């Protein structure tokens, strides 16, 4: 996969995970992001390639990343698992790491 495409896929997966965790309705999500509901629909369906600022706004709304560097191990694992459900390459990498950890234990 092309680096730009992987980056976009990761960003889209990150956005999807944040939306899922937020439990916001589309209307509430639109309000939090300062966009209309058609933009929310395009964001959810991958129709907007440059979603960085929307991710930042959603993280700020959810107060994620406010204390950069202060992420619990549990939160990090939860996020990786959520992302791996949407990104097969990440899932494969995590499974490989897990297998290596079991072998070295």
C-alpha atoms as a PDB file:
ATOM      1  CA  UNK A   1       0.000   0.000   0.000  1.00  0.00           C
ATOM      2  CA  UNK A   2       1.287   3.465  -0.864  1.00  0.00           C
ATOM      3  CA  UNK A   3       2.516   5.452   2.154  1.00  0.00           C
ATOM      4  CA  UNK A   4       0.003   8.231   1.544  1.00  0.00           C
ATOM      5  CA  UNK A   5      -2.830   5.729   1.329  1.00  0.00           C
ATOM      6  CA  UNK A   6      -1.727   3.971   4.518  1.00  0.00           C
ATOM      7  CA  UNK A   7      -1.509   7.286   6.289  1.00  0.00           C
ATOM      8  CA  UNK A   8      -5.024   8.178   5.136  1.00  0.00           C
ATOM      9  CA  UNK A   9      -6.293   4.738   6.139  1.00  0.00           C
ATOM     10  CA  UNK A  10      -4.784   5.136   9.603  1.00  0.00           C
ATOM     11  CA  UNK A  11      -6.245   8.614   9.969  1.00  0.00           C
ATOM     12  CA  UNK A  12      -9.666   7.372   8.878  1.00  0.00           C
ATOM     13  CA  UNK A  13      -9.465   4.484  11.333  1.00  0.00           C
ATOM     14  CA  UNK A  14      -8.422   6.903  14.094  1.00  0.00           C
ATOM     15  CA  UNK A  15     -11.382   9.130  13.299  1.00  0.00           C
ATOM     16  CA  UNK A  16     -13.741   6.122  13.274  1.00  0.00           C
ATOM     17  CA  UNK A  17     -12.438   4.932  16.652  1.00  0.00           C
ATOM     18  CA  UNK A  18     -12.871   8.385  18.184  1.00  0.00           C
ATOM     19  CA  UNK A  19     -16.417   8.653  16.846  1.00  0.00           C
ATOM     20  CA  UNK A  20     -17.234   5.185  18.167  1.00  0.00           C
ATOM     21  CA  UNK A  21     -15.779   5.981  21.588  1.00  0.00           C
ATOM     22  CA  UNK A  22     -17.526   9.345  21.760  1.00  0.00           C
ATOM     23  CA  UNK A  23     -21.004   7.830  21.338  1.00  0.00           C
ATOM     24  CA  UNK A  24     -22.053  11.186  19.822  1.00  0.00           C
ATOM     25  CA  UNK A  25     -25.008  11.362  17.456  1.00  0.00           C
ATOM     26  CA  UNK A  26     -24.277  12.753  14.005  1.00  0.00           C
ATOM     27  CA  UNK A  27     -25.896  16.014  15.066  1.00  0.00           C
ATOM     28  CA  UNK A  28     -23.765  16.264  18.189  1.00  0.00           C
ATOM     29  CA  UNK A  29     -20.688  15.317  16.182  1.00  0.00           C
ATOM     30  CA  UNK A  30     -21.444  18.063  13.661  1.00  0.00           C
ATOM     31  CA  UNK A  31     -21.745  20.574  16.490  1.00  0.00           C
ATOM     32  CA  UNK A  32     -18.517  19.404  18.139  1.00  0.00           C
ATOM     33  CA  UNK A  33     -16.624  19.654  14.842  1.00  0.00           C
ATOM     34  CA  UNK A  34     -18.274  22.890  13.715  1.00  0.00           C
ATOM     35  CA  UNK A  35     -19.511  21.353  10.451  1.00  0.00           C
ATOM     36  CA  UNK A  36     -22.857  20.405   8.923  1.00  0.00           C
ATOM     37  CA  UNK A  37     -24.289  16.895   8.915  1.00  0.00           C
ATOM     38  CA  UNK A  38     -23.410  16.274   5.264  1.00  0.00           C
ATOM     39  CA  UNK A  39     -19.762  16.877   6.166  1.00  0.00           C
ATOM     40  CA  UNK A  40     -20.118  14.402   9.049  1.00  0.00           C
ATOM     41  CA  UNK A  41     -21.471  11.854   6.589  1.00  0.00           C
ATOM     42  CA  UNK A  42     -18.525  12.434   4.243  1.00  0.00           C
ATOM     43  CA  UNK A  43     -16.090  12.154   7.173  1.00  0.00           C
ATOM     44  CA  UNK A  44     -17.661   8.879   8.294  1.00  0.00           C
ATOM     45  CA  UNK A  45     -17.543   7.452   4.757  1.00  0.00           C
ATOM     46  CA  UNK A  46     -13.959   8.461   4.007  1.00  0.00           C
ATOM     47  CA  UNK A  47     -15.024  11.177   1.594  1.00  0.00           C
ATOM     48  CA  UNK A  48     -12.683  13.761   3.093  1.00  0.00           C
ATOM     49  CA  UNK A  49      -9.000  12.930   2.738  1.00  0.00           C
ATOM     50  CA  UNK A  50      -7.619  15.689   4.957  1.00  0.00           C
ATOM     51  CA  UNK A  51      -9.266  14.841   8.252  1.00  0.00           C
ATOM     52  CA  UNK A  52      -6.416  15.854  10.556  1.00  0.00           C
ATOM     53  CA  UNK A  53      -8.113  19.025  11.804  1.00  0.00           C
ATOM     54  CA  UNK A  54     -11.351  17.132  12.407  1.00  0.00           C
ATOM     55  CA  UNK A  55      -9.476  14.517  14.427  1.00  0.00           C
ATOM     56  CA  UNK A  56      -7.823  17.299  16.430  1.00  0.00           C
ATOM     57  CA  UNK A  57     -11.182  18.983  17.087  1.00  0.00           C
ATOM     58  CA  UNK A  58     -12.781  15.707  18.145  1.00  0.00           C
ATOM     59  CA  UNK A  59      -9.870  14.858  20.448  1.00  0.00           C
ATOM     60  CA  UNK A  60     -10.125  18.322  21.954  1.00  0.00           C
ATOM     61  CA  UNK A  61     -13.892  17.910  22.405  1.00  0.00           C
ATOM     62  CA  UNK A  62     -13.331  14.541  24.081  1.00  0.00           C
ATOM     63  CA  UNK A  63     -10.343  15.970  25.994  1.00  0.00           C
ATOM     64  CA  UNK A  64      -8.009  13.319  24.593  1.00  0.00           C
ATOM     65  CA  UNK A  65      -4.419  14.333  24.197  1.00  0.00           C
ATOM     66  CA  UNK A  66      -4.800  17.369  26.450  1.00  0.00           C
ATOM     67  CA  UNK A  67      -1.973  16.044  28.605  1.00  0.00           C
ATOM     68  CA  UNK A  68       0.261  14.842  25.797  1.00  0.00           C
ATOM     69  CA  UNK A  69       2.477  11.985  26.902  1.00  0.00           C
ATOM     70  CA  UNK A  70       0.177  10.993  29.735  1.00  0.00           C
ATOM     71  CA  UNK A  71      -1.498   7.947  28.247  1.00  0.00           C
ATOM     72  CA  UNK A  72      -2.098   4.876  30.349  1.00  0.00           C
ATOM     73  CA  UNK A  73      -0.935   1.506  29.055  1.00  0.00           C
ATOM     74  CA  UNK A  74      -4.530   0.299  29.206  1.00  0.00           C
ATOM     75  CA  UNK A  75      -5.732   3.226  27.071  1.00  0.00           C
ATOM     76  CA  UNK A  76      -2.951   2.640  24.544  1.00  0.00           C
ATOM     77  CA  UNK A  77      -3.759  -1.075  24.222  1.00  0.00           C
ATOM     78  CA  UNK A  78      -7.477  -0.283  23.908  1.00  0.00           C
ATOM     79  CA  UNK A  79      -6.768   2.166  21.107  1.00  0.00           C
ATOM     80  CA  UNK A  80      -4.440  -0.246  19.275  1.00  0.00           C
ATOM     81  CA  UNK A  81      -7.041  -3.011  19.456  1.00  0.00           C
ATOM     82  CA  UNK A  82      -9.741  -0.673  18.145  1.00  0.00           C
ATOM     83  CA  UNK A  83      -7.509   0.470  15.295  1.00  0.00           C
ATOM     84  CA  UNK A  84      -6.462  -3.098  14.467  1.00  0.00           C
ATOM     85  CA  UNK A  85     -10.103  -4.027  13.868  1.00  0.00           C
ATOM     86  CA  UNK A  86     -10.116  -1.557  10.990  1.00  0.00           C
ATOM     87  CA  UNK A  87      -6.557  -2.031   9.711  1.00  0.00           C
ATOM     88  CA  UNK A  88      -5.634  -5.613   8.807  1.00  0.00           C
ATOM     89  CA  UNK A  89      -1.932  -4.729   8.450  1.00  0.00           C
ATOM     90  CA  UNK A  90      -1.848  -3.364  11.991  1.00  0.00           C
ATOM     91  CA  UNK A  91      -3.671  -6.448  13.275  1.00  0.00           C
ATOM     92  CA  UNK A  92      -1.097  -8.692  11.567  1.00  0.00           C
ATOM     93  CA  UNK A  93       1.776  -6.681  13.043  1.00  0.00           C
ATOM     94  CA  UNK A  94       0.288  -6.827  16.535  1.00  0.00           C
ATOM     95  CA  UNK A  95      -0.281 -10.572  16.258  1.00  0.00           C
ATOM     96  CA  UNK A  96       3.346 -11.010  15.149  1.00  0.00           C
ATOM     97  CA  UNK A  97       4.569  -8.976  18.101  1.00  0.00           C
ATOM     98  CA  UNK A  98       2.377 -10.992  20.452  1.00  0.00           C
ATOM     99  CA  UNK A  99       3.767 -14.255  19.058  1.00  0.00           C
ATOM    100  CA  UNK A 100       7.346 -13.008  19.517  1.00  0.00           C
ATOM    101  CA  UNK A 101       6.606 -11.949  23.094  1.00  0.00           C
ATOM    102  CA  UNK A 102       5.194 -15.392  23.893  1.00  0.00           C
ATOM    103  CA  UNK A 103       8.263 -17.098  22.405  1.00  0.00           C
ATOM    104  CA  UNK A 104      10.649 -14.964  24.436  1.00  0.00           C
ATOM    105  CA  UNK A 105       8.716 -15.354  27.692  1.00  0.00           C
END
